[in-house]
Amino acid sequence: MTTTEATVPAQVPTDDTDSFHVFDTTLRDGAQREGINLTVADKLTIARHLDDFGVGFIEGGWPGANPRDTEFFARARAEIDFKHAQLVAFGATRRAGGSAAEDPQVRALLESGAPVITLVAKSHDRHVELALRTTLDENLEMVRDTVSHLVAQGRRVFVDCEHFFDGYRANAEYAKAVVRTAHEAGADVVILCDTNGGMLPAQVSAVVATVLADTGARLGIHAQDDTGCAVANTLAAVDAGATHVQCTANGYGERVGNANLFPVVAALEIKYGRKVLPEGALAEMTRISHAIAEVVNLTPSTHQPYVGVSAFAHKAGLHASAIKVDPDLYQHIDPERVGNTMRMLVSDMAGRASIELKGKELGVDLGGDRALISRVVERVKERELQGYTYEAADASFELLLRAEVEGRARKYFRTESWRAIVEDRPDGTHANEATVKLWAKGERIVATAEGNGPVNALDRALRVALERFYPQLAKFELVDYKVRILEGKHGTESTTRVLISTTDGTHEWATVGVAPNVIAASWQALEDAFTYGLLRAGVEPAE
């Protein structure tokens, strides 16, 4: 697939040596996101994923500042054989009035065994005077002494200039003096940090270009996302001559987060033509993103650029018609380059092209039958008007599609009746019981079960009734359940939509039910979930 890509900026080097750094700080800065609390085991797992992805540097935390980070560095040295990345320890310049050689925090950085050390240094004059409570000259000496000491101990040193852009606005000469001091003391890279995340791309580009020209230091960029510009600011800094980018997986970080590693790397590789990852690693990007999300126990963002499940999802009929001719017409890249896939969504916006492409995606051959396709389009629009949503329930759509193609609905069982009872007991507890009456393989079955709620009781009753006929059901598990009350259509009455996600331990599928009653809607979604699961398992319909 051919795509149109941006011209490589003149400032971006084109070899794949140490001339450009991808630096990940998920384990340190990313871990400051609200809701993330990483164990040492979590950090080791994420470090392995990042190394597999091929980043050049993994900042593991602040050894000596807390026992967890100290343990992480000890275990990482012993347990991980890094193939691509170098482990980085983070810490601060020595205390005012002391010496780097005697500072316990500086000693902890050396004891971590990390070959690379990142030092955070104050570059905003007000922060020096109000936060460090020292003089501007002493702050420069703290930078010089700490960097030169660590370099003398055989460590590679990067310096993060905290609040650099705000400091530059307040006192540009002093901010540049911090950069110049770190560079002259032996720092390999000096990173300009937009700590408050308030900068815009044009501002970043102008400042980076000026500082590069005035100091001669090798510069990096660390951007927070408070204006929603962290990725753009990072690339603007690269355009201006920065050769070191600091990012976090999935943009995790304090407040609204950091520059997202994955869009930055994808832009560098695909749009700029810069090789920053090992061969073949870019195709692992979606998997790595989702794997890290699982470790931190956050649902992967469905709309994240490049790696979100909706990143290459198409809903409008106009888009589908064009994509049928050439996917490039509505996609900026081939999704397979980043390990993702194109998806067609079926909704009341669907046209014939949407249905035909979705059928192909699901493995249902529509044979170019225009009458059949038009019939499916009308059926979908009719059902969506009633409240069904097929863009979120592929399994229910596939059952509808197959019913139209085959001329009859797939049936593994036939429902005679069902009943769910909720009993409110005097002690404040509740009992939930369901009874189902079904026909399967010519036999009438009556089954009753209890559950944590009426839907769970119905789910269990279905299993009791059917597992001896279909043992595959034992593997099925309901993993998500969503209820939405739709707009009322008759006075105070309302319609309820239920979405259920089910897994067999390997694959997951979603089904939908709509009814005036939440339990009735749930029953529809359960019926579809069991039917689709059996279809997927290759079981022949009973009738």
Protein backbone atom coordinates (compact mmCIF):
# COMPACT_ATOMS: atom_id res chain seq x y z
CA MET A 1 0.00 0.00 0.00
CA THR A 2 1.39 3.39 -0.98
CA THR A 3 1.01 6.42 1.26
CA THR A 4 2.04 10.04 1.00
CA GLU A 5 4.53 10.93 3.71
CA ALA A 6 6.17 14.14 4.89
CA THR A 7 9.59 15.16 3.68
CA VAL A 8 12.40 14.44 6.13
CA PRO A 9 13.30 17.70 7.92
CA ALA A 10 16.80 18.86 7.09
CA GLN A 11 17.81 18.90 10.76
CA VAL A 12 17.01 15.20 11.34
CA PRO A 13 20.11 13.00 10.93
CA THR A 14 19.55 9.98 8.69
CA ASP A 15 21.84 7.29 10.12
CA ASP A 16 20.81 4.88 12.86
CA THR A 17 23.74 5.30 15.24
CA ASP A 18 23.80 7.18 18.54
CA SER A 19 22.92 10.34 16.65
CA PHE A 20 19.25 10.10 17.67
CA HIS A 21 17.79 8.86 20.98
CA VAL A 22 14.37 7.45 21.82
CA PHE A 23 14.24 7.73 25.61
CA ASP A 24 11.34 6.18 27.54
CA THR A 25 10.37 7.38 31.01
CA THR A 26 7.21 5.30 31.58
CA LEU A 27 8.66 3.69 34.72
CA ARG A 28 9.49 7.05 36.28
CA ASP A 29 7.44 9.94 34.89
CA GLY A 30 4.65 7.77 33.48
CA ALA A 31 4.18 6.10 36.86
CA GLN A 32 3.12 9.47 38.29
CA ARG A 33 -0.23 9.21 36.49
CA GLU A 34 -3.21 9.13 38.82
CA GLY A 35 -4.41 5.53 39.10
CA ILE A 36 -1.07 3.88 38.28
CA ASN A 37 0.75 2.11 41.10
CA LEU A 38 3.48 -0.16 39.78
CA THR A 39 5.03 -3.02 41.71
CA VAL A 40 8.64 -4.02 41.08
CA ALA A 41 7.33 -6.99 39.07
CA ASP A 42 5.21 -4.62 36.99
CA LYS A 43 8.21 -2.41 36.27
CA LEU A 44 10.33 -5.38 35.22
CA THR A 45 7.58 -6.58 32.85
CA ILE A 46 7.17 -3.14 31.28
CA ALA A 47 10.96 -2.79 30.92
CA ARG A 48 11.04 -6.06 28.97
CA HIS A 49 8.24 -4.84 26.67
CA LEU A 50 10.04 -1.54 26.04
CA ASP A 51 13.30 -3.34 25.31
CA ASP A 52 11.48 -5.65 22.90
CA PHE A 53 10.08 -2.57 21.19
CA GLY A 54 13.61 -1.28 20.75
CA VAL A 55 13.79 2.04 22.58
CA GLY A 56 17.33 3.19 23.25
CA PHE A 57 16.97 4.18 26.90
CA ILE A 58 14.64 3.10 29.71
CA GLU A 59 14.51 5.38 32.73
CA GLY A 60 13.75 3.04 35.60
CA GLY A 61 13.16 5.43 38.49
CA TRP A 62 14.99 7.22 41.29
CA PRO A 63 17.24 4.78 43.19
CA GLY A 64 17.72 5.78 46.79
CA ALA A 65 14.54 7.85 46.86
CA ASN A 66 12.35 4.82 47.68
CA PRO A 67 12.94 1.10 48.32
CA ARG A 68 10.89 0.00 45.30
CA ASP A 69 13.09 1.82 42.78
CA THR A 70 16.25 0.67 44.51
CA GLU A 71 15.02 -2.94 44.30
CA PHE A 72 14.04 -2.49 40.66
CA PHE A 73 17.57 -1.55 39.60
CA ALA A 74 19.07 -4.45 41.54
CA ARG A 75 16.65 -6.95 40.00
CA ALA A 76 16.81 -5.45 36.50
CA ARG A 77 20.58 -5.93 36.46
CA ALA A 78 20.21 -9.55 37.53
CA GLU A 79 17.04 -10.57 35.67
CA ILE A 80 16.92 -8.69 32.35
CA ASP A 81 19.33 -9.17 29.51
CA PHE A 82 18.65 -5.94 27.61
CA LYS A 83 18.92 -6.44 23.87
CA HIS A 84 18.37 -2.86 22.72
CA ALA A 85 17.97 -0.46 25.63
CA GLN A 86 20.30 0.96 28.23
CA LEU A 87 18.94 1.31 31.76
CA VAL A 88 18.85 4.87 33.11
CA ALA A 89 18.78 6.01 36.73
CA PHE A 90 17.14 9.34 37.58
CA GLY A 91 18.19 11.71 40.31
CA ALA A 92 18.93 15.31 41.22
CA THR A 93 22.03 17.45 41.31
CA ARG A 94 23.82 17.55 44.66
CA ARG A 95 22.51 19.64 47.52
CA ALA A 96 23.46 23.29 47.81
CA GLY A 97 26.62 23.88 49.82
CA GLY A 98 27.85 20.29 49.59
CA SER A 99 29.90 18.26 47.17
CA ALA A 100 28.79 15.64 44.66
CA ALA A 101 31.37 13.14 45.89
CA GLU A 102 29.81 13.16 49.38
CA ASP A 103 26.13 13.50 48.48
CA PRO A 104 24.17 10.33 49.45
CA GLN A 105 21.66 10.72 46.60
CA VAL A 106 24.46 10.99 44.04
CA ARG A 107 26.08 7.92 45.60
CA ALA A 108 22.81 6.00 45.26
CA LEU A 109 22.78 6.80 41.55
CA LEU A 110 26.22 5.23 41.17
CA GLU A 111 25.27 2.25 43.30
CA SER A 112 22.28 1.54 41.06
CA GLY A 113 24.73 0.19 38.49
CA ALA A 114 22.91 2.00 35.68
CA PRO A 115 25.29 2.93 32.85
CA VAL A 116 23.37 6.15 32.17
CA ILE A 117 22.21 8.75 34.68
CA THR A 118 19.69 11.53 34.15
CA LEU A 119 20.02 14.51 36.47
CA VAL A 120 17.21 16.98 36.98
CA ALA A 121 18.48 20.54 37.30
CA LYS A 122 16.72 23.82 37.94
CA SER A 123 16.80 26.18 34.97
CA HIS A 124 14.15 28.69 36.07
CA ASP A 125 15.67 31.45 38.21
CA ARG A 126 12.63 31.72 40.51
CA HIS A 127 12.69 27.98 41.18
CA VAL A 128 16.36 28.20 42.11
CA GLU A 129 15.74 30.98 44.61
CA LEU A 130 12.36 29.83 45.98
CA ALA A 131 12.50 26.01 45.76
CA LEU A 132 16.23 25.30 46.19
CA ARG A 133 16.71 28.42 48.35
CA THR A 134 20.14 29.07 46.95
CA THR A 135 21.84 31.51 44.61
CA LEU A 136 21.88 31.36 40.84
CA ASP A 137 25.67 30.90 40.87
CA GLU A 138 25.50 28.04 43.37
CA ASN A 139 22.89 26.27 41.23
CA LEU A 140 25.29 26.40 38.28
CA GLU A 141 28.03 24.96 40.49
CA MET A 142 25.68 22.17 41.62
CA VAL A 143 25.14 21.24 37.97
CA ARG A 144 28.84 21.45 37.10
CA ASP A 145 30.03 19.48 40.14
CA THR A 146 27.45 16.68 39.84
CA VAL A 147 27.83 16.15 36.12
CA SER A 148 31.63 16.17 36.18
CA HIS A 149 31.72 13.80 39.17
CA LEU A 150 29.44 11.23 37.52
CA VAL A 151 31.30 11.47 34.21
CA ALA A 152 34.56 10.90 36.10
CA GLN A 153 32.99 7.74 37.54
CA GLY A 154 32.42 6.42 34.03
CA ARG A 155 28.74 7.22 33.71
CA ARG A 156 27.03 8.73 30.72
CA VAL A 157 25.05 11.76 31.89
CA PHE A 158 21.91 13.43 30.56
CA VAL A 159 20.59 16.60 32.21
CA ASP A 160 16.89 17.45 32.39
CA CYS A 161 16.47 21.23 32.61
CA GLU A 162 13.26 21.40 34.61
CA HIS A 163 10.79 24.21 33.76
CA PHE A 164 13.14 25.25 30.99
CA PHE A 165 10.65 27.00 28.70
CA ASP A 166 9.03 28.96 31.51
CA GLY A 167 12.49 29.79 32.81
CA TYR A 168 13.60 30.88 29.35
CA ARG A 169 10.63 33.25 29.15
CA ALA A 170 11.52 34.75 32.55
CA ASN A 171 15.32 34.91 32.18
CA ALA A 172 16.62 33.53 28.90
CA GLU A 173 20.29 34.18 29.65
CA TYR A 174 20.20 32.24 32.90
CA ALA A 175 18.28 29.32 31.38
CA LYS A 176 20.90 29.11 28.63
CA ALA A 177 23.68 29.35 31.23
CA VAL A 178 22.36 26.15 32.86
CA VAL A 179 22.41 24.37 29.49
CA ARG A 180 25.91 25.64 28.72
CA THR A 181 27.21 24.62 32.17
CA ALA A 182 25.85 21.07 31.89
CA HIS A 183 27.29 20.71 28.39
CA GLU A 184 30.74 22.00 29.37
CA ALA A 185 30.80 19.72 32.44
CA GLY A 186 30.42 16.66 30.21
CA ALA A 187 26.68 16.01 29.83
CA ASP A 188 26.02 14.12 26.59
CA VAL A 189 22.55 15.61 26.14
CA VAL A 190 20.77 18.53 27.78
CA ILE A 191 17.00 18.10 27.71
CA LEU A 192 14.71 21.12 27.58
CA CYS A 193 11.66 20.29 29.68
CA ASP A 194 8.21 21.79 29.24
CA THR A 195 7.40 20.74 32.79
CA ASN A 196 4.09 22.61 33.02
CA GLY A 197 3.05 21.56 29.51
CA GLY A 198 2.03 25.05 28.47
CA MET A 199 4.02 25.48 25.26
CA LEU A 200 2.86 25.42 21.64
CA PRO A 201 4.82 23.97 18.70
CA ALA A 202 5.95 27.26 17.13
CA GLN A 203 7.22 28.45 20.51
CA VAL A 204 9.11 25.23 21.14
CA SER A 205 10.71 25.29 17.71
CA ALA A 206 11.90 28.89 18.10
CA VAL A 207 13.39 28.34 21.57
CA VAL A 208 15.15 25.07 20.66
CA ALA A 209 16.72 26.60 17.55
CA THR A 210 17.99 29.61 19.52
CA VAL A 211 19.38 27.58 22.43
CA LEU A 212 21.07 25.16 20.03
CA ALA A 213 22.77 28.03 18.21
CA ASP A 214 23.76 29.90 21.38
CA THR A 215 25.08 26.99 23.48
CA GLY A 216 26.38 24.35 21.06
CA ALA A 217 24.96 21.65 23.34
CA ARG A 218 23.24 18.53 22.08
CA LEU A 219 19.58 19.05 22.95
CA GLY A 220 16.64 16.84 23.81
CA ILE A 221 12.96 17.52 24.48
CA HIS A 222 10.65 16.46 27.32
CA ALA A 223 7.06 17.63 26.76
CA GLN A 224 4.03 17.37 29.02
CA ASP A 225 0.60 17.31 27.39
CA ASP A 226 -1.35 19.99 29.28
CA THR A 227 -2.21 21.86 26.06
CA GLY A 228 -2.71 18.64 24.10
CA CYS A 229 0.45 19.44 22.14
CA ALA A 230 3.07 17.14 23.66
CA VAL A 231 3.56 15.02 20.53
CA ALA A 232 3.48 18.08 18.27
CA ASN A 233 5.89 19.92 20.56
CA THR A 234 8.26 16.96 20.54
CA LEU A 235 8.30 16.83 16.75
CA ALA A 236 8.67 20.63 16.57
CA ALA A 237 11.78 20.32 18.74
CA VAL A 238 13.13 17.64 16.39
CA ASP A 239 12.48 19.93 13.44
CA ALA A 240 14.52 22.61 15.22
CA GLY A 241 17.47 20.30 15.87
CA ALA A 242 16.75 18.23 19.00
CA THR A 243 18.14 14.69 18.66
CA HIS A 244 16.77 13.12 21.85
CA VAL A 245 13.05 12.64 22.59
CA GLN A 246 11.65 11.68 25.99
CA CYS A 247 8.27 9.95 25.98
CA THR A 248 6.06 7.55 27.90
CA ALA A 249 4.09 4.54 26.68
CA ASN A 250 0.50 5.54 25.86
CA GLY A 251 1.26 9.07 27.07
CA TYR A 252 1.03 8.11 30.75
CA GLY A 253 2.16 10.79 33.17
CA GLU A 254 1.22 13.34 35.77
CA ARG A 255 -1.90 15.47 35.23
CA VAL A 256 -2.91 14.84 31.58
CA GLY A 257 0.30 13.00 30.71
CA ASN A 258 3.48 13.14 28.64
CA ALA A 259 4.39 12.95 24.98
CA ASN A 260 3.08 9.58 23.81
CA LEU A 261 5.92 7.26 22.77
CA PHE A 262 3.96 5.51 20.03
CA PRO A 263 2.79 8.46 17.88
CA VAL A 264 6.23 10.06 18.26
CA VAL A 265 8.08 6.96 17.12
CA ALA A 266 5.60 6.27 14.33
CA ALA A 267 6.01 9.84 13.06
CA LEU A 268 9.79 9.57 13.16
CA GLU A 269 9.84 6.24 11.34
CA ILE A 270 6.98 6.66 8.87
CA LYS A 271 6.61 10.40 8.31
CA TYR A 272 10.23 11.53 8.75
CA GLY A 273 11.85 8.40 7.37
CA ARG A 274 14.15 8.12 10.38
CA LYS A 275 15.10 4.61 11.50
CA VAL A 276 14.82 4.74 15.29
CA LEU A 277 13.75 1.15 16.02
CA PRO A 278 15.20 -2.27 15.19
CA GLU A 279 14.01 -3.89 11.97
CA GLY A 280 10.44 -5.16 12.29
CA ALA A 281 9.79 -3.53 15.67
CA LEU A 282 7.31 -0.95 14.40
CA ALA A 283 4.89 -3.74 13.47
CA GLU A 284 4.86 -4.74 17.16
CA MET A 285 3.74 -1.30 18.31
CA THR A 286 0.03 -2.00 18.78
CA ARG A 287 0.75 -5.20 20.70
CA ILE A 288 3.31 -3.48 22.95
CA SER A 289 0.94 -0.57 23.64
CA HIS A 290 -1.89 -2.88 24.69
CA ALA A 291 0.41 -5.15 26.70
CA ILE A 292 1.69 -2.23 28.77
CA ALA A 293 -1.88 -1.00 29.29
CA GLU A 294 -2.73 -4.42 30.72
CA VAL A 295 0.21 -4.30 33.13
CA VAL A 296 -0.77 -0.89 34.50
CA ASN A 297 -4.40 -2.09 34.67
CA LEU A 298 -5.83 0.64 32.45
CA THR A 299 -8.14 -0.06 29.51
CA PRO A 300 -6.29 0.70 26.26
CA SER A 301 -7.54 3.93 24.70
CA THR A 302 -9.69 2.93 21.74
CA HIS A 303 -9.04 6.22 19.94
CA GLN A 304 -5.29 6.48 20.44
CA PRO A 305 -3.46 7.35 17.19
CA TYR A 306 -1.91 4.42 15.33
CA VAL A 307 -2.58 1.75 18.01
CA GLY A 308 -6.19 2.30 19.13
CA VAL A 309 -8.75 -0.23 17.93
CA SER A 310 -10.63 2.69 16.34
CA ALA A 311 -7.56 4.23 14.72
CA PHE A 312 -8.41 2.65 11.37
CA ALA A 313 -12.14 2.08 11.88
CA HIS A 314 -14.52 3.43 9.24
CA LYS A 315 -18.21 4.07 9.75
CA ALA A 316 -19.58 6.50 7.17
CA GLY A 317 -20.87 5.02 3.93
CA LEU A 318 -18.95 7.61 1.90
CA HIS A 319 -15.69 6.44 3.47
CA ALA A 320 -16.53 2.81 2.86
CA SER A 321 -17.24 3.41 -0.81
CA ALA A 322 -13.87 5.07 -1.26
CA ILE A 323 -12.00 2.45 0.78
CA LYS A 324 -13.49 -0.29 -1.36
CA VAL A 325 -11.71 1.33 -4.31
CA ASP A 326 -8.46 2.17 -2.50
CA PRO A 327 -7.89 2.10 1.30
CA ASP A 328 -5.35 4.93 0.98
CA LEU A 329 -8.17 7.34 0.17
CA TYR A 330 -9.23 7.49 3.84
CA GLN A 331 -6.16 6.15 5.68
CA HIS A 332 -2.90 8.00 6.18
CA ILE A 333 -0.88 4.74 6.43
CA ASP A 334 -1.34 1.01 6.03
CA PRO A 335 -2.39 -0.07 9.57
CA GLU A 336 -0.34 -3.25 9.29
CA ARG A 337 2.83 -1.13 9.46
CA VAL A 338 2.10 -0.51 13.15
CA GLY A 339 0.52 -3.90 13.87
CA ASN A 340 -3.07 -2.65 13.66
CA THR A 341 -5.93 -3.55 11.35
CA MET A 342 -8.59 -1.74 9.36
CA ARG A 343 -12.13 -2.24 10.67
CA MET A 344 -15.48 -1.48 9.08
CA LEU A 345 -18.22 -0.36 11.46
CA VAL A 346 -21.83 -1.10 10.69
CA SER A 347 -24.44 1.45 11.73
CA ASP A 348 -27.37 3.43 10.37
CA MET A 349 -24.76 5.36 8.36
CA ALA A 350 -23.88 2.19 6.49
CA GLY A 351 -24.15 1.93 2.73
CA ARG A 352 -23.72 -1.04 0.43
CA ALA A 353 -19.93 -0.66 0.42
CA SER A 354 -19.81 -0.74 4.24
CA ILE A 355 -21.82 -3.96 4.36
CA GLU A 356 -19.80 -5.61 1.60
CA LEU A 357 -16.48 -4.72 3.23
CA LYS A 358 -17.71 -5.78 6.68
CA GLY A 359 -18.90 -9.10 5.26
CA LYS A 360 -15.47 -9.66 3.75
CA GLU A 361 -13.85 -8.82 7.09
CA LEU A 362 -16.10 -11.37 8.84
CA GLY A 363 -15.54 -14.04 6.21
CA VAL A 364 -19.10 -13.91 4.86
CA ASP A 365 -19.18 -13.89 1.05
CA LEU A 366 -21.98 -11.65 -0.24
CA GLY A 367 -21.07 -12.51 -3.83
CA GLY A 368 -21.72 -8.98 -5.04
CA ASP A 369 -25.47 -9.64 -4.70
CA ARG A 370 -26.83 -6.07 -4.80
CA ALA A 371 -30.33 -7.09 -3.72
CA LEU A 372 -28.98 -9.03 -0.74
CA ILE A 373 -26.66 -6.22 0.25
CA SER A 374 -29.46 -3.64 -0.02
CA ARG A 375 -31.67 -5.87 2.13
CA VAL A 376 -28.98 -6.07 4.83
CA VAL A 377 -28.51 -2.27 4.71
CA GLU A 378 -32.21 -1.70 5.25
CA ARG A 379 -32.33 -4.31 8.02
CA VAL A 380 -29.45 -2.64 9.84
CA LYS A 381 -31.00 0.82 9.55
CA GLU A 382 -34.35 -0.50 10.76
CA ARG A 383 -32.74 -2.21 13.78
CA GLU A 384 -30.58 0.79 14.65
CA LEU A 385 -33.71 2.95 14.65
CA GLN A 386 -35.08 0.59 17.30
CA GLY A 387 -31.96 1.16 19.43
CA TYR A 388 -29.57 -1.61 18.36
CA THR A 389 -25.93 -0.66 17.78
CA TYR A 390 -23.89 -2.94 15.58
CA GLU A 391 -20.67 -0.96 15.51
CA ALA A 392 -20.12 -2.16 19.09
CA ALA A 393 -21.55 -5.64 18.58
CA ASP A 394 -19.85 -7.40 15.68
CA ALA A 395 -21.08 -10.82 16.79
CA SER A 396 -24.75 -9.81 16.67
CA PHE A 397 -24.20 -8.21 13.27
CA GLU A 398 -22.58 -11.37 11.92
CA LEU A 399 -25.58 -13.43 13.08
CA LEU A 400 -27.92 -10.96 11.34
CA LEU A 401 -25.79 -11.04 8.19
CA ARG A 402 -25.63 -14.84 8.07
CA ALA A 403 -29.38 -15.07 8.60
CA GLU A 404 -29.96 -12.89 5.54
CA VAL A 405 -27.39 -14.78 3.44
CA GLU A 406 -28.57 -18.25 4.49
CA GLY A 407 -32.27 -17.40 4.55
CA ARG A 408 -32.74 -18.42 8.18
CA ALA A 409 -31.32 -17.62 11.59
CA ARG A 410 -28.78 -19.92 13.21
CA LYS A 411 -30.50 -21.84 15.99
CA TYR A 412 -28.85 -24.11 18.55
CA PHE A 413 -31.83 -23.91 20.89
CA ARG A 414 -35.34 -22.48 20.90
CA THR A 415 -36.71 -20.51 23.82
CA GLU A 416 -40.14 -21.42 25.14
CA SER A 417 -40.01 -19.02 28.09
CA TRP A 418 -37.74 -17.61 30.77
CA ARG A 419 -38.30 -16.02 34.15
CA ALA A 420 -36.07 -14.11 36.57
CA ILE A 421 -37.02 -13.46 40.18
CA VAL A 422 -35.40 -11.04 42.64
CA GLU A 423 -36.38 -11.62 46.27
CA ASP A 424 -35.85 -8.85 48.82
CA ARG A 425 -35.25 -10.51 52.18
CA PRO A 426 -35.87 -9.01 55.65
CA ASP A 427 -32.15 -9.03 56.48
CA GLY A 428 -31.41 -6.69 53.54
CA THR A 429 -29.97 -9.36 51.27
CA HIS A 430 -31.37 -10.37 47.88
CA ALA A 431 -31.87 -13.75 46.23
CA ASN A 432 -31.81 -13.99 42.44
CA GLU A 433 -33.26 -17.02 40.70
CA ALA A 434 -33.94 -17.74 37.02
CA THR A 435 -35.85 -20.50 35.27
CA VAL A 436 -35.57 -21.19 31.54
CA LYS A 437 -37.67 -23.50 29.38
CA LEU A 438 -35.92 -24.45 26.14
CA TRP A 439 -35.94 -26.90 23.27
CA ALA A 440 -32.62 -28.32 22.06
CA LYS A 441 -32.03 -31.26 19.73
CA GLY A 442 -35.68 -32.27 19.95
CA GLU A 443 -35.75 -32.30 23.74
CA ARG A 444 -37.58 -29.94 26.10
CA ILE A 445 -35.42 -28.73 29.00
CA VAL A 446 -36.43 -26.87 32.15
CA ALA A 447 -33.53 -25.52 34.23
CA THR A 448 -33.26 -23.27 37.28
CA ALA A 449 -30.22 -21.52 38.74
CA GLU A 450 -29.31 -18.83 41.24
CA GLY A 451 -26.89 -15.97 40.62
CA ASN A 452 -25.45 -12.73 41.91
CA GLY A 453 -28.11 -10.86 39.97
CA PRO A 454 -30.98 -11.70 37.64
CA VAL A 455 -28.78 -11.62 34.51
CA ASN A 456 -26.14 -13.81 36.13
CA ALA A 457 -28.91 -16.21 37.18
CA LEU A 458 -30.20 -16.38 33.59
CA ASP A 459 -26.67 -16.99 32.31
CA ARG A 460 -26.23 -19.86 34.75
CA ALA A 461 -29.65 -21.33 33.98
CA LEU A 462 -28.82 -21.36 30.26
CA ARG A 463 -25.62 -23.25 30.99
CA VAL A 464 -27.41 -25.76 33.22
CA ALA A 465 -29.91 -26.37 30.43
CA LEU A 466 -27.50 -26.62 27.50
CA GLU A 467 -24.04 -27.80 28.59
CA ARG A 468 -24.83 -31.50 28.21
CA PHE A 469 -25.78 -30.81 24.58
CA TYR A 470 -23.00 -28.28 23.96
CA PRO A 471 -20.00 -28.85 26.27
CA GLN A 472 -18.22 -25.93 24.55
CA LEU A 473 -20.34 -23.59 26.70
CA ALA A 474 -18.21 -24.46 29.74
CA LYS A 475 -15.45 -22.27 28.28
CA PHE A 476 -17.69 -19.23 27.78
CA GLU A 477 -17.41 -16.42 30.29
CA LEU A 478 -19.24 -13.09 30.41
CA VAL A 479 -16.51 -10.46 30.83
CA ASP A 480 -18.35 -7.16 30.40
CA TYR A 481 -21.91 -5.93 30.72
CA LYS A 482 -23.13 -2.45 29.80
CA VAL A 483 -26.62 -0.97 30.09
CA ARG A 484 -27.84 2.22 28.45
CA ILE A 485 -31.28 3.74 28.81
CA LEU A 486 -32.32 5.15 25.44
CA GLU A 487 -34.69 8.04 24.84
CA GLY A 488 -38.29 7.25 25.76
CA LYS A 489 -40.72 6.95 22.88
CA HIS A 490 -44.11 6.57 24.57
CA GLY A 491 -44.70 8.98 27.42
CA THR A 492 -42.59 7.91 30.38
CA GLU A 493 -41.60 4.56 28.84
CA SER A 494 -38.00 4.03 27.78
CA THR A 495 -35.96 1.54 25.78
CA THR A 496 -32.97 -0.27 27.24
CA ARG A 497 -29.91 -1.39 25.29
CA VAL A 498 -27.58 -4.03 26.73
CA LEU A 499 -24.12 -4.85 25.39
CA ILE A 500 -22.45 -8.05 26.55
CA SER A 501 -18.85 -9.13 25.95
CA THR A 502 -18.10 -12.86 26.14
CA THR A 503 -14.85 -14.84 25.86
CA ASP A 504 -13.93 -18.45 25.31
CA GLY A 505 -10.49 -17.83 26.81
CA THR A 506 -8.95 -17.06 23.42
CA HIS A 507 -11.31 -14.74 21.59
CA GLU A 508 -13.80 -12.13 22.75
CA TRP A 509 -17.06 -11.10 21.08
CA ALA A 510 -19.79 -8.54 21.71
CA THR A 511 -23.56 -8.90 21.37
CA VAL A 512 -26.47 -6.51 21.78
CA GLY A 513 -30.07 -6.70 22.97
CA VAL A 514 -32.79 -4.03 23.00
CA ALA A 515 -36.13 -4.13 24.83
CA PRO A 516 -38.29 -1.99 27.12
CA ASN A 517 -37.07 -4.19 30.00
CA VAL A 518 -33.41 -4.50 31.01
CA ILE A 519 -33.75 -8.22 31.72
CA ALA A 520 -35.40 -8.87 28.35
CA ALA A 521 -32.65 -6.92 26.58
CA SER A 522 -30.05 -8.91 28.53
CA TRP A 523 -31.69 -12.19 27.48
CA GLN A 524 -31.44 -11.21 23.80
CA ALA A 525 -27.75 -10.38 24.18
CA LEU A 526 -27.15 -13.66 26.05
CA GLU A 527 -28.90 -15.68 23.34
CA ASP A 528 -26.73 -14.05 20.68
CA ALA A 529 -23.58 -14.55 22.78
CA PHE A 530 -24.19 -18.30 23.18
CA THR A 531 -25.24 -18.71 19.53
CA TYR A 532 -22.22 -16.86 18.18
CA GLY A 533 -19.83 -18.72 20.48
CA LEU A 534 -21.12 -22.07 19.27
CA LEU A 535 -20.95 -20.90 15.66
CA ARG A 536 -17.34 -19.81 16.18
CA ALA A 537 -16.56 -23.18 17.77
CA GLY A 538 -17.71 -24.90 14.57
CA VAL A 539 -20.80 -26.52 16.08
CA GLU A 540 -23.53 -27.36 13.58
CA PRO A 541 -26.95 -25.81 14.34
CA ALA A 542 -29.50 -28.15 15.91
CA GLU A 543 -32.40 -26.85 13.81
